[in-house]
Every structure is written in structure tokens, then in C-alpha cells.
Amino acid sequence: MKLVRACLLLLVAVMLAAPATASASGRLLVLEGDGGTLVPKGKDRFDLELRGVDDDVTWFADRPVRRAGALSLREVVRDWKKFGFVADPPNAAIELTDGAPKADVLTVELGRPRLSADRDVVRFAVRRIAVKQGTLAGHAEGVDRSLPHRFGRVSLFVDGATWFARSVTVSVLNASGADLAVNYGLLTGGSWDSPPVPGTVISSAGQVTWINGGTNAFTSLGGSIVVSPASGGMLQISWNWSPGAPVAASVDNVATTGLAVTSQLVNVQTNSPTMQVIVTNAASPIG
């Protein structure tokens, strides 16, 4: 049903527009394919095959900050366990672009994906379910009992990729009149959601966010990001979070001219604290 797809896409927009909260859900992955098959394998169980799958898999998130991006299909298959999907198989909605009105949407639980050698076909063992919670729950009334054995253009909406069990978000707001350039980022623990790219420019009134996280609650996190103002000098942003200890963070302002820097930690009682760094002109109020 085209209405269901529209509702799902509207939901994505709401996820990105609504305030993020500590109880917000994980990420929604969207896979797109040219066609596929759904072969029965017993009561409520099927083999799902998607062909001509786009290499770019779009994702949307509202926690710890609202973000969107893309992964390669290979990364999605490789990191299935990292997303928490082996221990807790995800719910998904199969939606056919040109399907019949009463046979174009099915909600399922997905098994682990298998990717063909040419990375053009992905296969899942699936189980038909009625979704009662999570991102897809609001669309239960639009779900059909079955889909055709063979179908054309298809979208697969996968709910709940968690990425990290705990994370530190580093957010830099440039409220000064000078451009800031990213030199590099280094980690002493955990991994990047998306690493800092050397040469990235944070223009005046611009803001960038990076996330350092771990796949379990006992991962030590830490690292540093070095930023150079166009007017000279260096800002070194550092953080550290060991299990059982409070998160610590600081900014060293080294030989910069005409700039002032302040930082603070927020949401420190959650598993996703944020380090907010604000750069202003030295004569401007900081806050």
C-alpha cells in the first residue's frame, strides 16, 4: 500500500524533527531492490530473496542525536551482529512499490542475511509476525496476510539497529567569525560512528557531530579531535569514559587568536552523554 510507504517515510521525517530523548529507539535501515521472491517454508516462515539491491542502504536515527546517512550493503551484512540483530532478530516491513492493494505489505522477523558473491542478491529466512512495538507498530492495520511469490521493486524497512550500547557524542558549534578545519581524530577506546575527516571545514555558524561508542556497556571509550582555526592555533578536544567511572572531557585552547572556547557535558546520567563545545569570538559572550 502506497499509504504505508508514505507513513513510514513520514515517520522518518518525524524521527528527525522530534526532540531526541534518552528512551528513543535505534536506527531504521532502508534497503531497496529491483525485485525478489518470497517462498513458503512452513507455517508463517519464508525464504526472502531480494535482487538488484542498491549498494547504498539509508539509515535514520534520533538518538543520541538526530542523524541520517548511508552504509554499503556489504557493511550491513558484515555488521549484523554488531547491530544487535543476532541476539535480538529485528522486525521489518516488506513493501512492494507496485503490489496489489491487499498484497503489498508484510511485517516479518528477519534472520541473518546472506549476500551473493556479486553483492547483488541478499537472502533472509523470515517469519511473519504482527508488529506490536517499535518503529513499525503504528502501521499494523496496513499489513497484509501475504505477498506474491514473485514481485518487482521492493523496499525493506528494518527496525532497531542499535550500533552502540554506550557512546559519547562530541558536538562542535562554531559561533565565531573564523572557519575551523579538522586536522584529525584519534581513539583510545571504542570505535567511531563516522570518523572525523581531515580537512573538513566548520564554517561560521556551522555545527558538526561525531560519536565514539562501544557495542557493550563495559567498553572503555576515549579519544581526541584536533581542530585548527583559520586565524591560527589549535583546539584539542579530549574525552575519556571508563566503565564504572564518570565521563571526563576537556578542550585545550592552544595559541588561538581572538577566540574563546567553552564546553560542557550533558545527559551524563544516560548511556549516551554529549560533550558540547562552543567556539566564539573572544569579545562575545559564551553560553
C-alpha atoms as a PDB file:
ATOM      1  CA  MET A   1       0.000   0.000   0.000  1.00  0.00           C
ATOM      2  CA  LYS A   2       1.470   3.290  -1.043  1.00  0.00           C
ATOM      3  CA  LEU A   3      -0.071   4.838   2.053  1.00  0.00           C
ATOM      4  CA  VAL A   4       2.054   2.611   4.268  1.00  0.00           C
ATOM      5  CA  ARG A   5       5.253   3.651   2.497  1.00  0.00           C
ATOM      6  CA  ALA A   6       4.211   7.287   2.790  1.00  0.00           C
ATOM      7  CA  CYS A   7       3.547   6.785   6.502  1.00  0.00           C
ATOM      8  CA  LEU A   8       6.915   5.112   7.007  1.00  0.00           C
ATOM      9  CA  LEU A   9       8.699   7.936   5.243  1.00  0.00           C
ATOM     10  CA  LEU A  10       6.683  10.453   7.258  1.00  0.00           C
ATOM     11  CA  LEU A  11       7.760   8.595  10.379  1.00  0.00           C
ATOM     12  CA  VAL A  12      11.377   9.023   9.317  1.00  0.00           C
ATOM     13  CA  ALA A  13      10.783  12.761   8.969  1.00  0.00           C
ATOM     14  CA  VAL A  14       9.202  12.852  12.435  1.00  0.00           C
ATOM     15  CA  MET A  15      12.162  10.945  13.879  1.00  0.00           C
ATOM     16  CA  LEU A  16      14.496  13.594  12.515  1.00  0.00           C
ATOM     17  CA  ALA A  17      12.298  16.534  13.539  1.00  0.00           C
ATOM     18  CA  ALA A  18      11.244  15.485  17.042  1.00  0.00           C
ATOM     19  CA  PRO A  19      13.403  16.143  20.108  1.00  0.00           C
ATOM     20  CA  ALA A  20      15.710  13.226  20.903  1.00  0.00           C
ATOM     21  CA  THR A  21      15.171  11.532  24.269  1.00  0.00           C
ATOM     22  CA  ALA A  22      17.044   9.017  26.339  1.00  0.00           C
ATOM     23  CA  SER A  23      14.394   6.393  25.586  1.00  0.00           C
ATOM     24  CA  ALA A  24      14.365   6.914  21.823  1.00  0.00           C
ATOM     25  CA  SER A  25      14.674   3.837  19.627  1.00  0.00           C
ATOM     26  CA  GLY A  26      17.625   2.795  17.486  1.00  0.00           C
ATOM     27  CA  ARG A  27      18.087   3.194  13.765  1.00  0.00           C
ATOM     28  CA  LEU A  28      15.830   2.411  10.864  1.00  0.00           C
ATOM     29  CA  LEU A  29      17.591   0.835   7.865  1.00  0.00           C
ATOM     30  CA  VAL A  30      16.055   1.014   4.393  1.00  0.00           C
ATOM     31  CA  LEU A  31      17.104  -1.492   1.708  1.00  0.00           C
ATOM     32  CA  GLU A  32      15.859  -1.052  -1.876  1.00  0.00           C
ATOM     33  CA  GLY A  33      15.765  -3.747  -4.574  1.00  0.00           C
ATOM     34  CA  ASP A  34      14.599  -4.249  -8.149  1.00  0.00           C
ATOM     35  CA  GLY A  35      12.604  -7.365  -7.259  1.00  0.00           C
ATOM     36  CA  GLY A  36      12.600 -10.657  -5.423  1.00  0.00           C
ATOM     37  CA  THR A  37      10.793 -13.773  -4.253  1.00  0.00           C
ATOM     38  CA  LEU A  38       9.066 -14.961  -1.074  1.00  0.00           C
ATOM     39  CA  VAL A  39       8.990 -18.767  -0.858  1.00  0.00           C
ATOM     40  CA  PRO A  40       6.912 -20.524   1.879  1.00  0.00           C
ATOM     41  CA  LYS A  41       8.907 -22.838   4.185  1.00  0.00           C
ATOM     42  CA  GLY A  42       6.271 -23.848   6.725  1.00  0.00           C
ATOM     43  CA  LYS A  43       3.729 -22.055   8.893  1.00  0.00           C
ATOM     44  CA  ASP A  44       4.487 -18.309   8.816  1.00  0.00           C
ATOM     45  CA  ARG A  45       8.046 -18.978   7.627  1.00  0.00           C
ATOM     46  CA  PHE A  46       9.538 -17.981   4.280  1.00  0.00           C
ATOM     47  CA  ASP A  47      12.769 -17.544   2.376  1.00  0.00           C
ATOM     48  CA  LEU A  48      13.022 -13.922   1.246  1.00  0.00           C
ATOM     49  CA  GLU A  49      15.301 -13.071  -1.674  1.00  0.00           C
ATOM     50  CA  LEU A  50      15.910  -9.503  -2.831  1.00  0.00           C
ATOM     51  CA  ARG A  51      17.583  -8.975  -6.216  1.00  0.00           C
ATOM     52  CA  GLY A  52      19.227  -5.921  -7.736  1.00  0.00           C
ATOM     53  CA  VAL A  53      19.702  -4.498  -4.247  1.00  0.00           C
ATOM     54  CA  ASP A  54      21.032  -0.949  -4.116  1.00  0.00           C
ATOM     55  CA  ASP A  55      24.507  -0.828  -2.604  1.00  0.00           C
ATOM     56  CA  ASP A  56      23.603   2.256  -0.555  1.00  0.00           C
ATOM     57  CA  VAL A  57      21.496   1.412   2.497  1.00  0.00           C
ATOM     58  CA  THR A  58      19.960   4.539   4.032  1.00  0.00           C
ATOM     59  CA  TRP A  59      19.670   4.808   7.805  1.00  0.00           C
ATOM     60  CA  PHE A  60      17.832   7.211  10.093  1.00  0.00           C
ATOM     61  CA  ALA A  61      18.293   7.776  13.833  1.00  0.00           C
ATOM     62  CA  ASP A  62      17.000  10.036  16.589  1.00  0.00           C
ATOM     63  CA  ARG A  63      19.464   9.037  19.312  1.00  0.00           C
ATOM     64  CA  PRO A  64      21.784  10.206  20.774  1.00  0.00           C
ATOM     65  CA  VAL A  65      21.282  12.969  18.192  1.00  0.00           C
ATOM     66  CA  ARG A  66      19.057  13.143  15.105  1.00  0.00           C
ATOM     67  CA  ARG A  67      21.070  11.906  12.143  1.00  0.00           C
ATOM     68  CA  ALA A  68      20.794  10.252   8.762  1.00  0.00           C
ATOM     69  CA  GLY A  69      23.318   8.631   6.495  1.00  0.00           C
ATOM     70  CA  ALA A  70      24.156   5.608   4.397  1.00  0.00           C
ATOM     71  CA  LEU A  71      26.035   2.336   4.692  1.00  0.00           C
ATOM     72  CA  SER A  72      27.056  -0.093   1.993  1.00  0.00           C
ATOM     73  CA  LEU A  73      25.047  -3.300   1.707  1.00  0.00           C
ATOM     74  CA  ARG A  74      28.240  -5.211   2.480  1.00  0.00           C
ATOM     75  CA  GLU A  75      28.651  -3.281   5.743  1.00  0.00           C
ATOM     76  CA  VAL A  76      25.075  -4.052   6.773  1.00  0.00           C
ATOM     77  CA  VAL A  77      25.576  -7.783   6.218  1.00  0.00           C
ATOM     78  CA  ARG A  78      29.015  -7.770   7.867  1.00  0.00           C
ATOM     79  CA  ASP A  79      27.864  -5.819  10.938  1.00  0.00           C
ATOM     80  CA  TRP A  80      24.570  -7.669  11.510  1.00  0.00           C
ATOM     81  CA  LYS A  81      25.805  -8.970  14.879  1.00  0.00           C
ATOM     82  CA  LYS A  82      27.219  -5.557  15.818  1.00  0.00           C
ATOM     83  CA  PHE A  83      23.759  -4.040  15.353  1.00  0.00           C
ATOM     84  CA  GLY A  84      22.393  -6.470  17.954  1.00  0.00           C
ATOM     85  CA  PHE A  85      20.433  -8.432  15.348  1.00  0.00           C
ATOM     86  CA  VAL A  86      21.873 -11.893  16.123  1.00  0.00           C
ATOM     87  CA  ALA A  87      20.875 -11.791  19.797  1.00  0.00           C
ATOM     88  CA  ASP A  88      17.602  -9.992  19.026  1.00  0.00           C
ATOM     89  CA  PRO A  89      16.404 -10.531  15.414  1.00  0.00           C
ATOM     90  CA  PRO A  90      14.902  -7.326  14.016  1.00  0.00           C
ATOM     91  CA  ASN A  91      11.376  -6.629  12.854  1.00  0.00           C
ATOM     92  CA  ALA A  92      10.997  -5.425   9.284  1.00  0.00           C
ATOM     93  CA  ALA A  93       8.338  -4.311   6.811  1.00  0.00           C
ATOM     94  CA  ILE A  94       8.473  -5.616   3.227  1.00  0.00           C
ATOM     95  CA  GLU A  95       6.745  -3.107   0.957  1.00  0.00           C
ATOM     96  CA  LEU A  96       6.142  -3.629  -2.769  1.00  0.00           C
ATOM     97  CA  THR A  97       6.165  -0.474  -4.875  1.00  0.00           C
ATOM     98  CA  ASP A  98       3.729  -1.832  -7.492  1.00  0.00           C
ATOM     99  CA  GLY A  99       1.961  -4.513  -5.462  1.00  0.00           C
ATOM    100  CA  ALA A 100      -1.783  -5.098  -5.309  1.00  0.00           C
ATOM    101  CA  PRO A 101      -3.563  -3.026  -2.626  1.00  0.00           C
ATOM    102  CA  LYS A 102      -4.203  -6.091  -0.421  1.00  0.00           C
ATOM    103  CA  ALA A 103      -0.913  -7.863  -1.067  1.00  0.00           C
ATOM    104  CA  ASP A 104       1.890  -5.336  -0.893  1.00  0.00           C
ATOM    105  CA  VAL A 105       2.960  -5.009   2.766  1.00  0.00           C
ATOM    106  CA  LEU A 106       4.124  -7.738   5.146  1.00  0.00           C
ATOM    107  CA  THR A 107       5.795  -7.446   8.563  1.00  0.00           C
ATOM    108  CA  VAL A 108       8.359 -10.089   9.431  1.00  0.00           C
ATOM    109  CA  GLU A 109      11.188 -11.019  11.751  1.00  0.00           C
ATOM    110  CA  LEU A 110      14.465 -11.268   9.850  1.00  0.00           C
ATOM    111  CA  GLY A 111      17.097 -13.948  10.144  1.00  0.00           C
ATOM    112  CA  ARG A 112      20.758 -13.266   9.376  1.00  0.00           C
ATOM    113  CA  PRO A 113      21.314 -12.064   5.784  1.00  0.00           C
ATOM    114  CA  ARG A 114      23.375 -13.899   3.171  1.00  0.00           C
ATOM    115  CA  LEU A 115      24.937 -11.854   0.388  1.00  0.00           C
ATOM    116  CA  SER A 116      25.736 -13.251  -3.058  1.00  0.00           C
ATOM    117  CA  ALA A 117      29.304 -13.154  -4.360  1.00  0.00           C
ATOM    118  CA  ASP A 118      28.459 -10.322  -6.760  1.00  0.00           C
ATOM    119  CA  ARG A 119      26.741  -8.409  -3.896  1.00  0.00           C
ATOM    120  CA  ASP A 120      23.590  -8.044  -5.976  1.00  0.00           C
ATOM    121  CA  VAL A 121      21.339 -10.519  -4.142  1.00  0.00           C
ATOM    122  CA  VAL A 122      20.608 -10.733  -0.411  1.00  0.00           C
ATOM    123  CA  ARG A 123      18.676 -13.585   1.200  1.00  0.00           C
ATOM    124  CA  PHE A 124      16.918 -13.878   4.568  1.00  0.00           C
ATOM    125  CA  ALA A 125      14.991 -16.558   6.426  1.00  0.00           C
ATOM    126  CA  VAL A 126      11.924 -14.664   7.700  1.00  0.00           C
ATOM    127  CA  ARG A 127       8.969 -15.293   9.985  1.00  0.00           C
ATOM    128  CA  ARG A 128       5.668 -13.488   9.533  1.00  0.00           C
ATOM    129  CA  ILE A 129       4.708 -11.518  12.654  1.00  0.00           C
ATOM    130  CA  ALA A 130       2.271  -8.878  13.854  1.00  0.00           C
ATOM    131  CA  VAL A 131       4.368  -5.907  14.991  1.00  0.00           C
ATOM    132  CA  LYS A 132       3.146  -4.595  18.341  1.00  0.00           C
ATOM    133  CA  GLN A 133       6.001  -2.312  19.318  1.00  0.00           C
ATOM    134  CA  GLY A 134       8.846  -0.296  17.832  1.00  0.00           C
ATOM    135  CA  THR A 135       9.003   1.991  14.831  1.00  0.00           C
ATOM    136  CA  LEU A 136       6.722  -0.161  12.659  1.00  0.00           C
ATOM    137  CA  ALA A 137       3.954  -0.747  15.219  1.00  0.00           C
ATOM    138  CA  GLY A 138       1.795   2.183  14.102  1.00  0.00           C
ATOM    139  CA  HIS A 139       1.284   0.622  10.666  1.00  0.00           C
ATOM    140  CA  ALA A 140      -0.154  -2.737  11.771  1.00  0.00           C
ATOM    141  CA  GLU A 141      -3.548  -2.000  10.223  1.00  0.00           C
ATOM    142  CA  GLY A 142      -1.997  -1.661   6.774  1.00  0.00           C
ATOM    143  CA  VAL A 143      -0.227  -5.020   6.869  1.00  0.00           C
ATOM    144  CA  ASP A 144      -1.430  -7.822   4.590  1.00  0.00           C
ATOM    145  CA  ARG A 145      -1.586 -11.579   5.196  1.00  0.00           C
ATOM    146  CA  SER A 146       0.556 -12.478   2.208  1.00  0.00           C
ATOM    147  CA  LEU A 147       2.639 -11.253  -0.705  1.00  0.00           C
ATOM    148  CA  PRO A 148       3.015 -12.725  -4.184  1.00  0.00           C
ATOM    149  CA  HIS A 149       5.641 -15.412  -4.674  1.00  0.00           C
ATOM    150  CA  ARG A 150       7.494 -13.175  -7.148  1.00  0.00           C
ATOM    151  CA  PHE A 151       7.476  -9.382  -7.138  1.00  0.00           C
ATOM    152  CA  GLY A 152       9.079  -6.258  -8.590  1.00  0.00           C
ATOM    153  CA  ARG A 153      10.516  -3.135  -6.983  1.00  0.00           C
ATOM    154  CA  VAL A 154      10.660  -3.582  -3.197  1.00  0.00           C
ATOM    155  CA  SER A 155      11.687  -1.729  -0.039  1.00  0.00           C
ATOM    156  CA  LEU A 156      12.712  -3.423   3.204  1.00  0.00           C
ATOM    157  CA  PHE A 157      12.402  -1.256   6.346  1.00  0.00           C
ATOM    158  CA  VAL A 158      14.492  -2.810   9.150  1.00  0.00           C
ATOM    159  CA  ASP A 159      13.770  -1.553  12.667  1.00  0.00           C
ATOM    160  CA  GLY A 160      16.032  -1.144  15.667  1.00  0.00           C
ATOM    161  CA  ALA A 161      19.732  -1.220  14.721  1.00  0.00           C
ATOM    162  CA  THR A 162      21.406  -0.112  17.957  1.00  0.00           C
ATOM    163  CA  TRP A 163      25.012   0.440  16.794  1.00  0.00           C
ATOM    164  CA  PHE A 164      26.323   1.207  20.288  1.00  0.00           C
ATOM    165  CA  ALA A 165      25.317   0.139  23.796  1.00  0.00           C
ATOM    166  CA  ARG A 166      27.089   3.218  25.179  1.00  0.00           C
ATOM    167  CA  SER A 167      28.523   6.237  23.415  1.00  0.00           C
ATOM    168  CA  VAL A 168      29.981   9.715  23.784  1.00  0.00           C
ATOM    169  CA  THR A 169      28.768  12.343  21.328  1.00  0.00           C
ATOM    170  CA  VAL A 170      31.118  15.241  20.574  1.00  0.00           C
ATOM    171  CA  SER A 171      29.305  18.276  19.154  1.00  0.00           C
ATOM    172  CA  VAL A 172      31.232  21.357  17.994  1.00  0.00           C
ATOM    173  CA  LEU A 173      29.350  24.600  17.328  1.00  0.00           C
ATOM    174  CA  ASN A 174      31.354  27.335  15.592  1.00  0.00           C
ATOM    175  CA  ALA A 175      29.773  30.594  16.758  1.00  0.00           C
ATOM    176  CA  SER A 176      32.899  32.584  15.894  1.00  0.00           C
ATOM    177  CA  GLY A 177      33.806  34.530  12.786  1.00  0.00           C
ATOM    178  CA  ALA A 178      36.665  32.176  11.834  1.00  0.00           C
ATOM    179  CA  ASP A 179      36.485  28.933   9.884  1.00  0.00           C
ATOM    180  CA  LEU A 180      37.646  25.839  11.745  1.00  0.00           C
ATOM    181  CA  ALA A 181      39.387  22.967   9.965  1.00  0.00           C
ATOM    182  CA  VAL A 182      39.513  19.403  11.272  1.00  0.00           C
ATOM    183  CA  ASN A 183      43.102  18.119  11.491  1.00  0.00           C
ATOM    184  CA  TYR A 184      42.483  14.579  12.684  1.00  0.00           C
ATOM    185  CA  GLY A 185      40.699  12.386  15.225  1.00  0.00           C
ATOM    186  CA  LEU A 186      42.205   9.552  17.269  1.00  0.00           C
ATOM    187  CA  LEU A 187      40.528   6.989  19.542  1.00  0.00           C
ATOM    188  CA  THR A 188      41.901   5.342  22.663  1.00  0.00           C
ATOM    189  CA  GLY A 189      38.816   3.162  23.116  1.00  0.00           C
ATOM    190  CA  GLY A 190      35.695   2.090  21.237  1.00  0.00           C
ATOM    191  CA  SER A 191      35.025   2.942  17.604  1.00  0.00           C
ATOM    192  CA  TRP A 192      33.688   5.817  15.509  1.00  0.00           C
ATOM    193  CA  ASP A 193      30.139   6.002  14.226  1.00  0.00           C
ATOM    194  CA  SER A 194      31.622   8.036  11.369  1.00  0.00           C
ATOM    195  CA  PRO A 195      35.240   9.217  11.832  1.00  0.00           C
ATOM    196  CA  PRO A 196      36.364  12.852  11.565  1.00  0.00           C
ATOM    197  CA  VAL A 197      37.565  13.610   8.051  1.00  0.00           C
ATOM    198  CA  PRO A 198      40.789  15.671   7.926  1.00  0.00           C
ATOM    199  CA  GLY A 199      40.251  18.916   6.060  1.00  0.00           C
ATOM    200  CA  THR A 200      36.553  19.180   6.933  1.00  0.00           C
ATOM    201  CA  VAL A 201      35.701  22.866   7.378  1.00  0.00           C
ATOM    202  CA  ILE A 202      33.318  24.027  10.102  1.00  0.00           C
ATOM    203  CA  SER A 203      32.241  27.430   8.835  1.00  0.00           C
ATOM    204  CA  SER A 204      30.886  30.253  10.968  1.00  0.00           C
ATOM    205  CA  ALA A 205      27.516  29.248  12.473  1.00  0.00           C
ATOM    206  CA  GLY A 206      28.229  25.651  11.428  1.00  0.00           C
ATOM    207  CA  GLN A 207      27.999  22.590  13.644  1.00  0.00           C
ATOM    208  CA  VAL A 208      29.411  19.062  13.378  1.00  0.00           C
ATOM    209  CA  THR A 209      28.872  15.951  15.486  1.00  0.00           C
ATOM    210  CA  TRP A 210      30.914  12.804  15.976  1.00  0.00           C
ATOM    211  CA  ILE A 211      30.067   9.710  18.034  1.00  0.00           C
ATOM    212  CA  ASN A 212      32.506   7.357  19.782  1.00  0.00           C
ATOM    213  CA  GLY A 213      30.802   4.198  21.011  1.00  0.00           C
ATOM    214  CA  GLY A 214      31.080   0.609  22.145  1.00  0.00           C
ATOM    215  CA  THR A 215      28.940  -2.440  21.463  1.00  0.00           C
ATOM    216  CA  ASN A 216      28.547  -3.311  25.150  1.00  0.00           C
ATOM    217  CA  ALA A 217      28.105  -1.351  28.375  1.00  0.00           C
ATOM    218  CA  PHE A 218      31.618  -2.192  29.590  1.00  0.00           C
ATOM    219  CA  THR A 219      33.572  -0.784  26.654  1.00  0.00           C
ATOM    220  CA  SER A 220      36.107   1.914  27.552  1.00  0.00           C
ATOM    221  CA  LEU A 221      35.648   4.982  25.370  1.00  0.00           C
ATOM    222  CA  GLY A 222      38.022   7.851  24.719  1.00  0.00           C
ATOM    223  CA  GLY A 223      39.851   9.894  22.157  1.00  0.00           C
ATOM    224  CA  SER A 224      40.682  13.322  20.859  1.00  0.00           C
ATOM    225  CA  ILE A 225      39.880  15.565  17.904  1.00  0.00           C
ATOM    226  CA  VAL A 226      42.212  18.363  16.829  1.00  0.00           C
ATOM    227  CA  VAL A 227      40.738  21.427  15.110  1.00  0.00           C
ATOM    228  CA  SER A 228      42.687  24.413  13.695  1.00  0.00           C
ATOM    229  CA  PRO A 229      41.123  27.881  13.361  1.00  0.00           C
ATOM    230  CA  ALA A 230      41.902  29.772  10.162  1.00  0.00           C
ATOM    231  CA  SER A 231      43.408  32.524  12.333  1.00  0.00           C
ATOM    232  CA  GLY A 232      45.985  30.110  13.773  1.00  0.00           C
ATOM    233  CA  GLY A 233      46.455  27.944  16.817  1.00  0.00           C
ATOM    234  CA  MET A 234      44.807  24.662  17.754  1.00  0.00           C
ATOM    235  CA  LEU A 235      41.883  23.268  19.714  1.00  0.00           C
ATOM    236  CA  GLN A 236      42.343  19.776  21.124  1.00  0.00           C
ATOM    237  CA  ILE A 237      39.080  18.185  22.249  1.00  0.00           C
ATOM    238  CA  SER A 238      39.561  15.146  24.507  1.00  0.00           C
ATOM    239  CA  TRP A 239      37.296  12.750  26.392  1.00  0.00           C
ATOM    240  CA  ASN A 240      37.546   9.533  28.395  1.00  0.00           C
ATOM    241  CA  TRP A 241      34.904   7.192  29.820  1.00  0.00           C
ATOM    242  CA  SER A 242      35.935   4.029  31.641  1.00  0.00           C
ATOM    243  CA  PRO A 243      33.351   1.528  32.933  1.00  0.00           C
ATOM    244  CA  GLY A 244      32.244   2.436  36.450  1.00  0.00           C
ATOM    245  CA  ALA A 245      33.714   5.947  36.243  1.00  0.00           C
ATOM    246  CA  PRO A 246      32.135   9.263  35.218  1.00  0.00           C
ATOM    247  CA  VAL A 247      32.833  10.587  31.749  1.00  0.00           C
ATOM    248  CA  ALA A 248      35.582  13.228  31.647  1.00  0.00           C
ATOM    249  CA  ALA A 249      36.144  15.766  28.871  1.00  0.00           C
ATOM    250  CA  SER A 250      38.238  18.861  28.207  1.00  0.00           C
ATOM    251  CA  VAL A 251      39.308  21.304  25.493  1.00  0.00           C
ATOM    252  CA  ASP A 252      42.848  22.688  25.261  1.00  0.00           C
ATOM    253  CA  ASN A 253      42.904  26.072  23.537  1.00  0.00           C
ATOM    254  CA  VAL A 254      46.472  26.396  22.246  1.00  0.00           C
ATOM    255  CA  ALA A 255      47.749  29.701  20.812  1.00  0.00           C
ATOM    256  CA  THR A 256      44.494  30.725  19.137  1.00  0.00           C
ATOM    257  CA  THR A 257      43.929  34.388  18.355  1.00  0.00           C
ATOM    258  CA  GLY A 258      40.648  36.174  19.130  1.00  0.00           C
ATOM    259  CA  LEU A 259      38.720  33.016  20.054  1.00  0.00           C
ATOM    260  CA  ALA A 260      37.179  31.730  23.252  1.00  0.00           C
ATOM    261  CA  VAL A 261      36.033  28.161  23.910  1.00  0.00           C
ATOM    262  CA  THR A 262      33.635  26.651  26.408  1.00  0.00           C
ATOM    263  CA  SER A 263      32.489  23.066  26.848  1.00  0.00           C
ATOM    264  CA  GLN A 264      30.009  21.127  28.921  1.00  0.00           C
ATOM    265  CA  LEU A 265      28.779  17.572  29.388  1.00  0.00           C
ATOM    266  CA  VAL A 266      25.047  16.875  29.173  1.00  0.00           C
ATOM    267  CA  ASN A 267      22.957  13.706  29.607  1.00  0.00           C
ATOM    268  CA  VAL A 268      25.657  12.288  31.865  1.00  0.00           C
ATOM    269  CA  GLN A 269      23.140  10.051  33.665  1.00  0.00           C
ATOM    270  CA  THR A 270      22.470   8.114  30.465  1.00  0.00           C
ATOM    271  CA  ASN A 271      24.499   5.719  28.306  1.00  0.00           C
ATOM    272  CA  SER A 272      24.770   8.461  25.664  1.00  0.00           C
ATOM    273  CA  PRO A 273      26.295  11.614  27.183  1.00  0.00           C
ATOM    274  CA  THR A 274      27.183  14.538  24.931  1.00  0.00           C
ATOM    275  CA  MET A 275      30.187  16.849  25.056  1.00  0.00           C
ATOM    276  CA  GLN A 276      29.114  20.247  23.724  1.00  0.00           C
ATOM    277  CA  VAL A 277      31.937  22.507  22.529  1.00  0.00           C
ATOM    278  CA  ILE A 278      31.150  26.131  21.613  1.00  0.00           C
ATOM    279  CA  VAL A 279      33.701  28.361  19.898  1.00  0.00           C
ATOM    280  CA  THR A 280      33.054  32.137  19.927  1.00  0.00           C
ATOM    281  CA  ASN A 281      34.905  35.363  19.275  1.00  0.00           C
ATOM    282  CA  ALA A 282      36.834  36.361  22.394  1.00  0.00           C
ATOM    283  CA  ALA A 283      34.739  39.538  22.811  1.00  0.00           C
ATOM    284  CA  SER A 284      31.447  37.641  22.520  1.00  0.00           C
ATOM    285  CA  PRO A 285      29.523  36.245  25.488  1.00  0.00           C
ATOM    286  CA  ILE A 286      29.937  32.482  25.811  1.00  0.00           C
ATOM    287  CA  GLY A 287      26.968  30.250  26.554  1.00  0.00           C
END
